[in-house]
Amino acid sequence: MELFKTSDAIGSWVYPEDYVFGIGNVPLFTGFMYSAVGSYIARVWRIFDFRYSYYPRRRWTIILVVLIYLNFFSHHFIVDLRWLLLGATIVLFARTHIYFRMHCEHRHMPLLVGWLLVALFIWLAENIATYTNIWIYPNQQNGWHMVPLAKLSSWYLLMLLSFVLVSLINRIEIPVRQEVD
């Protein structure tokens, strides 16, 4: 995805500094940035003993993230389905709560809120990264501007994609008996 997004034809963002190790327009360290999100999710899953209520069927989550991933590419050529995909995320996960252990006690919150909080922190980090010229967007060529809040939706969807990938290797724990939807 990084090669596609930074290609001269698409130009979603650029890495302005010279680098020694990379492929095309992409320095090697960007792979570590993406893997850090997945690694973070896998780690906190174990540390906080994540459990879920009303987690949707695995096949629906896989279909959703495949569509999200395809939209990262296709929105350059056809209509952007991001808002429809965000709506599908709300429909699919509206009842889902995440339970996490803090000091020997499980607490919970809506999973959608948890994802929003993580995406918000990624967006804040992105603002720091663009301010320090790690990468820049086309509207930042002549000086730094805050990354538009709309970009938060991209991070939300990418974080959701990472979460579902991690969920494929971690067992979904259901804390209470419930009907399967």
N, C-alpha and C. Protein backbone atom coordinates (compact mmCIF):
# COMPACT_ATOMS: atom_id res chain seq x y z
N MET A 1 0.83 -1.18 0.00
CA MET A 1 0.00 0.00 0.00
C MET A 1 0.88 1.25 0.00
N GLU A 2 1.95 1.22 0.76
CA GLU A 2 2.85 2.37 0.87
C GLU A 2 3.47 2.70 -0.49
N LEU A 3 3.87 1.69 -1.23
CA LEU A 3 4.43 1.93 -2.57
C LEU A 3 3.40 2.58 -3.48
N PHE A 4 2.17 2.12 -3.41
CA PHE A 4 1.10 2.67 -4.23
C PHE A 4 0.81 4.11 -3.83
N LYS A 5 0.62 4.37 -2.54
CA LYS A 5 0.23 5.70 -2.06
C LYS A 5 1.32 6.76 -2.31
N THR A 6 2.58 6.36 -2.27
CA THR A 6 3.67 7.33 -2.47
C THR A 6 4.17 7.37 -3.91
N SER A 7 3.57 6.58 -4.78
CA SER A 7 4.01 6.60 -6.18
C SER A 7 3.79 7.98 -6.77
N ASP A 8 4.56 8.31 -7.79
CA ASP A 8 4.45 9.63 -8.42
C ASP A 8 3.05 9.86 -9.00
N ALA A 9 2.40 8.79 -9.46
CA ALA A 9 1.07 8.92 -10.05
C ALA A 9 0.00 9.24 -9.01
N ILE A 10 0.14 8.73 -7.80
CA ILE A 10 -0.86 8.93 -6.75
C ILE A 10 -0.47 10.09 -5.84
N GLY A 11 0.72 10.07 -5.31
CA GLY A 11 1.25 11.17 -4.51
C GLY A 11 0.44 11.56 -3.29
N SER A 12 -0.07 10.56 -2.56
CA SER A 12 -0.85 10.87 -1.35
C SER A 12 0.01 11.54 -0.28
N TRP A 13 1.27 11.15 -0.19
CA TRP A 13 2.24 11.78 0.69
C TRP A 13 3.63 11.47 0.17
N VAL A 14 4.62 12.18 0.70
CA VAL A 14 6.01 11.95 0.30
C VAL A 14 6.89 11.91 1.54
N TYR A 15 8.01 11.22 1.40
CA TYR A 15 9.06 11.23 2.40
C TYR A 15 10.14 12.16 1.87
N PRO A 16 10.24 13.38 2.41
CA PRO A 16 11.07 14.41 1.79
C PRO A 16 12.58 14.23 1.97
N GLU A 17 12.99 13.50 2.98
CA GLU A 17 14.42 13.35 3.26
C GLU A 17 15.00 12.17 2.47
N ASP A 18 16.30 12.27 2.18
CA ASP A 18 16.99 11.16 1.55
C ASP A 18 17.09 10.00 2.53
N TYR A 19 17.13 8.80 2.00
CA TYR A 19 17.28 7.62 2.85
C TYR A 19 18.16 6.62 2.13
N VAL A 20 18.78 5.75 2.89
CA VAL A 20 19.70 4.76 2.34
C VAL A 20 18.96 3.47 1.99
N PHE A 21 18.12 3.00 2.91
CA PHE A 21 17.41 1.75 2.71
C PHE A 21 15.94 2.02 2.41
N GLY A 22 15.46 1.47 1.30
CA GLY A 22 14.06 1.64 0.95
C GLY A 22 13.77 1.00 -0.39
N ILE A 23 12.51 1.06 -0.76
CA ILE A 23 12.06 0.54 -2.05
C ILE A 23 11.23 1.64 -2.69
N GLY A 24 11.55 2.01 -3.92
CA GLY A 24 10.81 3.07 -4.60
C GLY A 24 10.88 4.36 -3.81
N ASN A 25 9.72 4.94 -3.55
CA ASN A 25 9.63 6.18 -2.77
C ASN A 25 9.45 5.95 -1.27
N VAL A 26 9.69 4.72 -0.83
CA VAL A 26 9.37 4.35 0.55
C VAL A 26 10.62 3.94 1.33
N PRO A 27 10.94 4.70 2.38
CA PRO A 27 12.06 4.28 3.24
C PRO A 27 11.68 3.06 4.08
N LEU A 28 12.68 2.28 4.43
CA LEU A 28 12.48 1.03 5.16
C LEU A 28 11.71 1.22 6.48
N PHE A 29 11.95 2.32 7.18
CA PHE A 29 11.36 2.47 8.51
C PHE A 29 9.83 2.50 8.49
N THR A 30 9.20 2.78 7.34
CA THR A 30 7.73 2.85 7.33
C THR A 30 7.09 1.50 7.65
N GLY A 31 7.75 0.43 7.26
CA GLY A 31 7.23 -0.89 7.60
C GLY A 31 7.17 -1.10 9.10
N PHE A 32 8.13 -0.51 9.80
CA PHE A 32 8.14 -0.62 11.26
C PHE A 32 6.99 0.18 11.87
N MET A 33 6.63 1.29 11.24
CA MET A 33 5.51 2.09 11.77
C MET A 33 4.21 1.29 11.71
N TYR A 34 3.95 0.65 10.56
CA TYR A 34 2.73 -0.13 10.43
C TYR A 34 2.75 -1.35 11.36
N SER A 35 3.88 -2.01 11.43
CA SER A 35 3.94 -3.20 12.29
C SER A 35 3.82 -2.82 13.76
N ALA A 36 4.20 -1.60 14.11
CA ALA A 36 4.08 -1.14 15.50
C ALA A 36 2.62 -1.11 15.94
N VAL A 37 1.71 -0.76 15.03
CA VAL A 37 0.28 -0.72 15.38
C VAL A 37 -0.20 -2.14 15.69
N GLY A 38 0.11 -3.08 14.82
CA GLY A 38 -0.29 -4.47 15.05
C GLY A 38 0.37 -5.06 16.29
N SER A 39 1.63 -4.74 16.48
CA SER A 39 2.36 -5.23 17.65
C SER A 39 1.76 -4.66 18.94
N TYR A 40 1.40 -3.38 18.90
CA TYR A 40 0.76 -2.74 20.07
C TYR A 40 -0.55 -3.45 20.41
N ILE A 41 -1.37 -3.71 19.39
CA ILE A 41 -2.67 -4.36 19.63
C ILE A 41 -2.46 -5.76 20.22
N ALA A 42 -1.53 -6.52 19.63
CA ALA A 42 -1.27 -7.88 20.13
C ALA A 42 -0.77 -7.85 21.57
N ARG A 43 0.07 -6.90 21.88
CA ARG A 43 0.65 -6.82 23.23
C ARG A 43 -0.40 -6.42 24.28
N VAL A 44 -1.16 -5.36 24.01
CA VAL A 44 -2.15 -4.93 25.01
C VAL A 44 -3.27 -5.95 25.14
N TRP A 45 -3.53 -6.71 24.09
CA TRP A 45 -4.54 -7.77 24.15
C TRP A 45 -4.18 -8.74 25.27
N ARG A 46 -2.90 -9.12 25.33
CA ARG A 46 -2.45 -10.05 26.37
C ARG A 46 -2.34 -9.36 27.73
N ILE A 47 -1.75 -8.19 27.76
CA ILE A 47 -1.52 -7.50 29.04
C ILE A 47 -2.83 -7.20 29.76
N PHE A 48 -3.82 -6.72 29.01
CA PHE A 48 -5.09 -6.33 29.63
C PHE A 48 -6.16 -7.41 29.54
N ASP A 49 -5.79 -8.60 29.07
CA ASP A 49 -6.71 -9.74 29.05
C ASP A 49 -8.03 -9.36 28.38
N PHE A 50 -7.95 -8.91 27.13
CA PHE A 50 -9.13 -8.46 26.41
C PHE A 50 -10.17 -9.57 26.29
N ARG A 51 -11.41 -9.18 26.48
CA ARG A 51 -12.58 -10.04 26.27
C ARG A 51 -13.65 -9.17 25.64
N TYR A 52 -14.63 -9.80 25.02
CA TYR A 52 -15.61 -9.04 24.24
C TYR A 52 -17.01 -9.57 24.47
N SER A 53 -17.97 -8.69 24.38
CA SER A 53 -19.36 -9.12 24.35
C SER A 53 -19.92 -8.76 22.98
N TYR A 54 -20.73 -9.63 22.48
CA TYR A 54 -21.40 -9.44 21.18
C TYR A 54 -20.44 -9.15 20.05
N TYR A 55 -19.33 -9.85 20.05
CA TYR A 55 -18.37 -9.69 18.94
C TYR A 55 -18.98 -10.34 17.69
N PRO A 56 -18.95 -9.66 16.56
CA PRO A 56 -19.59 -10.23 15.36
C PRO A 56 -18.87 -11.47 14.84
N ARG A 57 -19.57 -12.18 13.98
CA ARG A 57 -18.98 -13.38 13.38
C ARG A 57 -17.71 -13.01 12.62
N ARG A 58 -16.75 -13.91 12.70
CA ARG A 58 -15.43 -13.69 12.09
C ARG A 58 -15.54 -13.37 10.60
N ARG A 59 -16.40 -14.08 9.87
CA ARG A 59 -16.48 -13.87 8.42
C ARG A 59 -16.91 -12.44 8.09
N TRP A 60 -17.81 -11.85 8.91
CA TRP A 60 -18.25 -10.48 8.64
C TRP A 60 -17.11 -9.48 8.89
N THR A 61 -16.31 -9.75 9.92
CA THR A 61 -15.19 -8.84 10.18
C THR A 61 -14.14 -8.94 9.07
N ILE A 62 -13.93 -10.14 8.56
CA ILE A 62 -12.96 -10.32 7.46
C ILE A 62 -13.46 -9.63 6.20
N ILE A 63 -14.73 -9.81 5.87
CA ILE A 63 -15.30 -9.13 4.69
C ILE A 63 -15.15 -7.62 4.83
N LEU A 64 -15.45 -7.10 6.01
CA LEU A 64 -15.34 -5.65 6.24
C LEU A 64 -13.91 -5.16 6.03
N VAL A 65 -12.93 -5.83 6.60
CA VAL A 65 -11.56 -5.31 6.47
C VAL A 65 -11.00 -5.51 5.07
N VAL A 66 -11.45 -6.53 4.35
CA VAL A 66 -11.04 -6.66 2.95
C VAL A 66 -11.58 -5.48 2.14
N LEU A 67 -12.82 -5.12 2.38
CA LEU A 67 -13.40 -3.95 1.69
C LEU A 67 -12.70 -2.66 2.09
N ILE A 68 -12.33 -2.53 3.35
CA ILE A 68 -11.59 -1.35 3.80
C ILE A 68 -10.25 -1.27 3.07
N TYR A 69 -9.54 -2.39 3.02
CA TYR A 69 -8.23 -2.41 2.37
C TYR A 69 -8.36 -2.07 0.88
N LEU A 70 -9.32 -2.65 0.22
CA LEU A 70 -9.53 -2.35 -1.20
C LEU A 70 -9.86 -0.88 -1.41
N ASN A 71 -10.61 -0.28 -0.49
CA ASN A 71 -10.98 1.13 -0.62
C ASN A 71 -9.76 2.05 -0.50
N PHE A 72 -8.74 1.63 0.28
CA PHE A 72 -7.53 2.44 0.36
C PHE A 72 -6.90 2.64 -1.02
N PHE A 73 -7.10 1.69 -1.92
CA PHE A 73 -6.58 1.79 -3.28
C PHE A 73 -7.63 2.38 -4.23
N SER A 74 -8.82 1.81 -4.20
CA SER A 74 -9.82 2.13 -5.21
C SER A 74 -10.36 3.55 -5.13
N HIS A 75 -10.29 4.19 -3.98
CA HIS A 75 -10.88 5.53 -3.87
C HIS A 75 -10.17 6.55 -4.75
N HIS A 76 -9.00 6.20 -5.26
CA HIS A 76 -8.30 7.08 -6.19
C HIS A 76 -8.92 7.02 -7.59
N PHE A 77 -9.70 5.98 -7.86
CA PHE A 77 -10.23 5.77 -9.20
C PHE A 77 -11.75 5.77 -9.26
N ILE A 78 -12.38 5.36 -8.18
CA ILE A 78 -13.85 5.37 -8.11
C ILE A 78 -14.26 6.10 -6.84
N VAL A 79 -15.51 6.12 -6.53
CA VAL A 79 -16.01 6.83 -5.36
C VAL A 79 -15.40 6.26 -4.07
N ASP A 80 -15.10 7.16 -3.14
CA ASP A 80 -14.55 6.78 -1.85
C ASP A 80 -15.68 6.22 -0.98
N LEU A 81 -15.55 4.99 -0.56
CA LEU A 81 -16.58 4.33 0.24
C LEU A 81 -16.30 4.39 1.73
N ARG A 82 -15.36 5.23 2.13
CA ARG A 82 -14.94 5.32 3.53
C ARG A 82 -16.11 5.52 4.49
N TRP A 83 -17.01 6.44 4.18
CA TRP A 83 -18.11 6.73 5.10
C TRP A 83 -19.10 5.58 5.16
N LEU A 84 -19.30 4.90 4.05
CA LEU A 84 -20.15 3.71 4.03
C LEU A 84 -19.50 2.60 4.87
N LEU A 85 -18.18 2.45 4.74
CA LEU A 85 -17.47 1.44 5.51
C LEU A 85 -17.47 1.76 7.01
N LEU A 86 -17.35 3.03 7.34
CA LEU A 86 -17.47 3.44 8.75
C LEU A 86 -18.87 3.13 9.27
N GLY A 87 -19.88 3.36 8.43
CA GLY A 87 -21.26 3.02 8.82
C GLY A 87 -21.41 1.53 9.04
N ALA A 88 -20.82 0.73 8.15
CA ALA A 88 -20.87 -0.73 8.31
C ALA A 88 -20.17 -1.16 9.59
N THR A 89 -19.09 -0.47 9.93
CA THR A 89 -18.38 -0.76 11.18
C THR A 89 -19.28 -0.51 12.38
N ILE A 90 -20.01 0.59 12.34
CA ILE A 90 -20.92 0.92 13.44
C ILE A 90 -22.03 -0.13 13.55
N VAL A 91 -22.60 -0.51 12.41
CA VAL A 91 -23.66 -1.53 12.42
C VAL A 91 -23.13 -2.85 12.96
N LEU A 92 -21.95 -3.24 12.52
CA LEU A 92 -21.39 -4.54 12.90
C LEU A 92 -20.96 -4.58 14.37
N PHE A 93 -20.40 -3.48 14.88
CA PHE A 93 -19.81 -3.49 16.22
C PHE A 93 -20.55 -2.63 17.24
N ALA A 94 -21.74 -2.15 16.92
CA ALA A 94 -22.45 -1.23 17.82
C ALA A 94 -22.68 -1.82 19.21
N ARG A 95 -22.95 -3.09 19.30
CA ARG A 95 -23.23 -3.72 20.60
C ARG A 95 -21.98 -4.28 21.28
N THR A 96 -20.87 -4.29 20.57
CA THR A 96 -19.66 -4.93 21.09
C THR A 96 -18.99 -4.07 22.16
N HIS A 97 -18.72 -4.68 23.28
CA HIS A 97 -17.95 -4.04 24.34
C HIS A 97 -16.63 -4.79 24.51
N ILE A 98 -15.60 -4.04 24.82
CA ILE A 98 -14.31 -4.64 25.14
C ILE A 98 -14.16 -4.61 26.66
N TYR A 99 -13.77 -5.74 27.22
CA TYR A 99 -13.51 -5.86 28.64
C TYR A 99 -12.00 -5.96 28.81
N PHE A 100 -11.44 -5.16 29.69
CA PHE A 100 -10.00 -5.15 29.91
C PHE A 100 -9.73 -5.17 31.40
N ARG A 101 -8.68 -5.90 31.79
CA ARG A 101 -8.39 -6.05 33.21
C ARG A 101 -7.45 -4.95 33.68
N MET A 102 -7.90 -4.25 34.72
CA MET A 102 -7.09 -3.23 35.39
C MET A 102 -7.09 -3.57 36.88
N HIS A 103 -5.93 -3.84 37.44
CA HIS A 103 -5.80 -4.13 38.86
C HIS A 103 -6.75 -5.26 39.30
N CYS A 104 -6.68 -6.36 38.61
CA CYS A 104 -7.44 -7.57 38.95
C CYS A 104 -8.94 -7.45 38.75
N GLU A 105 -9.40 -6.39 38.12
CA GLU A 105 -10.83 -6.22 37.88
C GLU A 105 -11.05 -5.87 36.41
N HIS A 106 -12.03 -6.54 35.79
CA HIS A 106 -12.35 -6.23 34.40
C HIS A 106 -13.28 -5.02 34.34
N ARG A 107 -12.91 -4.08 33.50
CA ARG A 107 -13.75 -2.91 33.21
C ARG A 107 -14.14 -3.03 31.74
N HIS A 108 -15.05 -2.19 31.29
CA HIS A 108 -15.44 -2.30 29.88
C HIS A 108 -15.82 -0.95 29.31
N MET A 109 -15.81 -0.91 27.99
CA MET A 109 -16.28 0.26 27.24
C MET A 109 -16.68 -0.23 25.85
N PRO A 110 -17.46 0.56 25.12
CA PRO A 110 -17.79 0.18 23.75
C PRO A 110 -16.51 0.05 22.92
N LEU A 111 -16.41 -1.00 22.16
CA LEU A 111 -15.22 -1.24 21.34
C LEU A 111 -15.01 -0.11 20.34
N LEU A 112 -16.09 0.43 19.79
CA LEU A 112 -15.97 1.54 18.84
C LEU A 112 -15.29 2.76 19.48
N VAL A 113 -15.57 3.01 20.75
CA VAL A 113 -14.93 4.12 21.47
C VAL A 113 -13.44 3.83 21.66
N GLY A 114 -13.11 2.60 22.01
CA GLY A 114 -11.71 2.21 22.16
C GLY A 114 -10.93 2.43 20.88
N TRP A 115 -11.49 1.99 19.77
CA TRP A 115 -10.82 2.19 18.48
C TRP A 115 -10.65 3.67 18.15
N LEU A 116 -11.68 4.46 18.47
CA LEU A 116 -11.59 5.90 18.22
C LEU A 116 -10.46 6.53 19.03
N LEU A 117 -10.32 6.12 20.27
CA LEU A 117 -9.24 6.66 21.11
C LEU A 117 -7.87 6.31 20.55
N VAL A 118 -7.69 5.07 20.12
CA VAL A 118 -6.40 4.67 19.54
C VAL A 118 -6.15 5.44 18.24
N ALA A 119 -7.16 5.55 17.39
CA ALA A 119 -7.01 6.30 16.13
C ALA A 119 -6.68 7.76 16.40
N LEU A 120 -7.26 8.33 17.45
CA LEU A 120 -6.97 9.72 17.81
C LEU A 120 -5.50 9.89 18.19
N PHE A 121 -4.97 8.96 18.96
CA PHE A 121 -3.56 9.05 19.33
C PHE A 121 -2.65 8.87 18.11
N ILE A 122 -3.03 8.01 17.17
CA ILE A 122 -2.25 7.85 15.94
C ILE A 122 -2.29 9.14 15.14
N TRP A 123 -3.46 9.77 15.05
CA TRP A 123 -3.60 11.05 14.33
C TRP A 123 -2.73 12.13 14.98
N LEU A 124 -2.71 12.18 16.30
CA LEU A 124 -1.85 13.14 17.00
C LEU A 124 -0.37 12.87 16.68
N ALA A 125 0.03 11.61 16.69
CA ALA A 125 1.41 11.25 16.34
C ALA A 125 1.71 11.62 14.89
N GLU A 126 0.73 11.47 14.02
CA GLU A 126 0.90 11.84 12.62
C GLU A 126 1.16 13.34 12.49
N ASN A 127 0.49 14.14 13.29
CA ASN A 127 0.74 15.58 13.27
C ASN A 127 2.16 15.89 13.70
N ILE A 128 2.65 15.20 14.69
CA ILE A 128 4.04 15.38 15.12
C ILE A 128 5.00 14.96 14.00
N ALA A 129 4.70 13.84 13.37
CA ALA A 129 5.56 13.33 12.29
C ALA A 129 5.59 14.28 11.09
N THR A 130 4.45 14.84 10.73
CA THR A 130 4.45 15.77 9.60
C THR A 130 5.08 17.10 9.98
N TYR A 131 4.94 17.50 11.23
CA TYR A 131 5.58 18.74 11.70
C TYR A 131 7.10 18.63 11.63
N THR A 132 7.61 17.44 11.91
CA THR A 132 9.06 17.21 11.88
C THR A 132 9.55 16.70 10.53
N ASN A 133 8.68 16.75 9.52
CA ASN A 133 9.02 16.38 8.14
C ASN A 133 9.43 14.91 7.96
N ILE A 134 8.90 14.04 8.77
CA ILE A 134 9.14 12.61 8.55
C ILE A 134 8.46 12.23 7.24
N TRP A 135 7.23 12.66 7.06
CA TRP A 135 6.53 12.62 5.78
C TRP A 135 5.66 13.85 5.72
N ILE A 136 5.26 14.22 4.50
CA ILE A 136 4.40 15.39 4.34
C ILE A 136 3.33 15.10 3.29
N TYR A 137 2.21 15.75 3.47
CA TYR A 137 1.10 15.65 2.53
C TYR A 137 1.21 16.79 1.51
N PRO A 138 0.54 16.65 0.38
CA PRO A 138 0.63 17.69 -0.65
C PRO A 138 0.31 19.10 -0.14
N ASN A 139 -0.65 19.24 0.76
CA ASN A 139 -1.00 20.57 1.26
C ASN A 139 0.03 21.12 2.25
N GLN A 140 1.06 20.33 2.56
CA GLN A 140 2.10 20.77 3.49
C GLN A 140 3.42 21.09 2.78
N GLN A 141 3.39 21.10 1.44
CA GLN A 141 4.62 21.35 0.67
C GLN A 141 5.23 22.71 0.98
N ASN A 142 4.41 23.73 1.19
CA ASN A 142 4.91 25.09 1.40
C ASN A 142 4.90 25.49 2.87
N GLY A 143 4.76 24.56 3.74
CA GLY A 143 4.73 24.85 5.17
C GLY A 143 3.78 23.91 5.87
N TRP A 144 4.05 23.70 7.15
CA TRP A 144 3.25 22.74 7.90
C TRP A 144 1.86 23.28 8.20
N HIS A 145 0.88 22.43 8.03
CA HIS A 145 -0.50 22.67 8.46
C HIS A 145 -0.92 21.43 9.22
N MET A 146 -1.77 21.61 10.20
CA MET A 146 -2.28 20.46 10.94
C MET A 146 -2.95 19.49 9.96
N VAL A 147 -2.75 18.21 10.19
CA VAL A 147 -3.38 17.18 9.36
C VAL A 147 -4.89 17.30 9.56
N PRO A 148 -5.66 17.33 8.47
CA PRO A 148 -7.12 17.49 8.62
C PRO A 148 -7.73 16.41 9.51
N LEU A 149 -8.70 16.79 10.29
CA LEU A 149 -9.38 15.86 11.18
C LEU A 149 -10.02 14.72 10.40
N ALA A 150 -10.38 14.96 9.14
CA ALA A 150 -10.97 13.91 8.30
C ALA A 150 -10.01 12.73 8.14
N LYS A 151 -8.71 12.97 8.26
CA LYS A 151 -7.72 11.90 8.15
C LYS A 151 -7.85 10.90 9.30
N LEU A 152 -8.48 11.34 10.37
CA LEU A 152 -8.74 10.45 11.50
C LEU A 152 -9.53 9.22 11.05
N SER A 153 -10.42 9.40 10.09
CA SER A 153 -11.21 8.27 9.59
C SER A 153 -10.32 7.22 8.92
N SER A 154 -9.28 7.67 8.22
CA SER A 154 -8.35 6.72 7.60
C SER A 154 -7.61 5.93 8.66
N TRP A 155 -7.14 6.60 9.70
CA TRP A 155 -6.44 5.91 10.77
C TRP A 155 -7.38 4.96 11.51
N TYR A 156 -8.62 5.37 11.68
CA TYR A 156 -9.61 4.51 12.33
C TYR A 156 -9.77 3.21 11.54
N LEU A 157 -9.93 3.35 10.24
CA LEU A 157 -10.14 2.16 9.41
C LEU A 157 -8.88 1.29 9.35
N LEU A 158 -7.71 1.92 9.28
CA LEU A 158 -6.47 1.15 9.24
C LEU A 158 -6.24 0.44 10.57
N MET A 159 -6.56 1.11 11.66
CA MET A 159 -6.42 0.50 12.98
C MET A 159 -7.40 -0.67 13.14
N LEU A 160 -8.63 -0.51 12.64
CA LEU A 160 -9.61 -1.58 12.67
C LEU A 160 -9.10 -2.79 11.87
N LEU A 161 -8.53 -2.52 10.71
CA LEU A 161 -7.96 -3.58 9.89
C LEU A 161 -6.89 -4.33 10.68
N SER A 162 -6.00 -3.60 11.33
CA SER A 162 -4.95 -4.22 12.14
C SER A 162 -5.55 -5.03 13.28
N PHE A 163 -6.57 -4.50 13.92
CA PHE A 163 -7.22 -5.19 15.03
C PHE A 163 -7.80 -6.53 14.57
N VAL A 164 -8.50 -6.52 13.44
CA VAL A 164 -9.11 -7.77 12.95
C VAL A 164 -8.03 -8.77 12.58
N LEU A 165 -6.92 -8.31 12.00
CA LEU A 165 -5.82 -9.24 11.70
C LEU A 165 -5.28 -9.88 12.98
N VAL A 166 -5.11 -9.09 14.02
CA VAL A 166 -4.65 -9.64 15.30
C VAL A 166 -5.70 -10.59 15.87
N SER A 167 -6.98 -10.28 15.68
CA SER A 167 -8.05 -11.14 16.21
C SER A 167 -8.05 -12.51 15.55
N LEU A 168 -7.45 -12.62 14.37
CA LEU A 168 -7.40 -13.91 13.69
C LEU A 168 -6.42 -14.87 14.36
N ILE A 169 -5.45 -14.32 15.09
CA ILE A 169 -4.50 -15.19 15.79
C ILE A 169 -4.78 -15.28 17.28
N ASN A 170 -5.52 -14.32 17.82
CA ASN A 170 -5.92 -14.36 19.23
C ASN A 170 -7.36 -14.83 19.33
N ARG A 171 -7.61 -15.64 20.34
CA ARG A 171 -8.96 -16.13 20.54
C ARG A 171 -9.84 -15.02 21.10
N ILE A 172 -11.04 -14.87 20.56
CA ILE A 172 -12.00 -13.90 21.08
C ILE A 172 -12.63 -14.51 22.32
N GLU A 173 -12.38 -13.91 23.47
CA GLU A 173 -12.93 -14.37 24.74
C GLU A 173 -14.24 -13.64 25.01
N ILE A 174 -15.29 -14.40 25.29
CA ILE A 174 -16.60 -13.84 25.62
C ILE A 174 -16.79 -14.01 27.12
N PRO A 175 -16.90 -12.90 27.89
CA PRO A 175 -16.95 -12.99 29.36
C PRO A 175 -18.26 -13.54 29.91
N VAL A 176 -19.34 -13.38 29.19
CA VAL A 176 -20.62 -13.87 29.67
C VAL A 176 -21.29 -14.67 28.56
N ARG A 177 -22.14 -15.58 28.96
CA ARG A 177 -22.85 -16.37 27.96
C ARG A 177 -23.80 -15.47 27.18
N GLN A 178 -23.80 -15.59 25.87
CA GLN A 178 -24.66 -14.75 25.04
C GLN A 178 -25.05 -15.53 23.78
N GLU A 179 -26.09 -15.04 23.16
CA GLU A 179 -26.53 -15.61 21.90
C GLU A 179 -25.55 -15.19 20.82
N VAL A 180 -25.23 -16.10 19.89
CA VAL A 180 -24.36 -15.76 18.77
C VAL A 180 -25.23 -15.10 17.71
N ASP A 181 -24.80 -13.92 17.24
CA ASP A 181 -25.57 -13.19 16.23
C ASP A 181 -25.36 -13.77 14.86
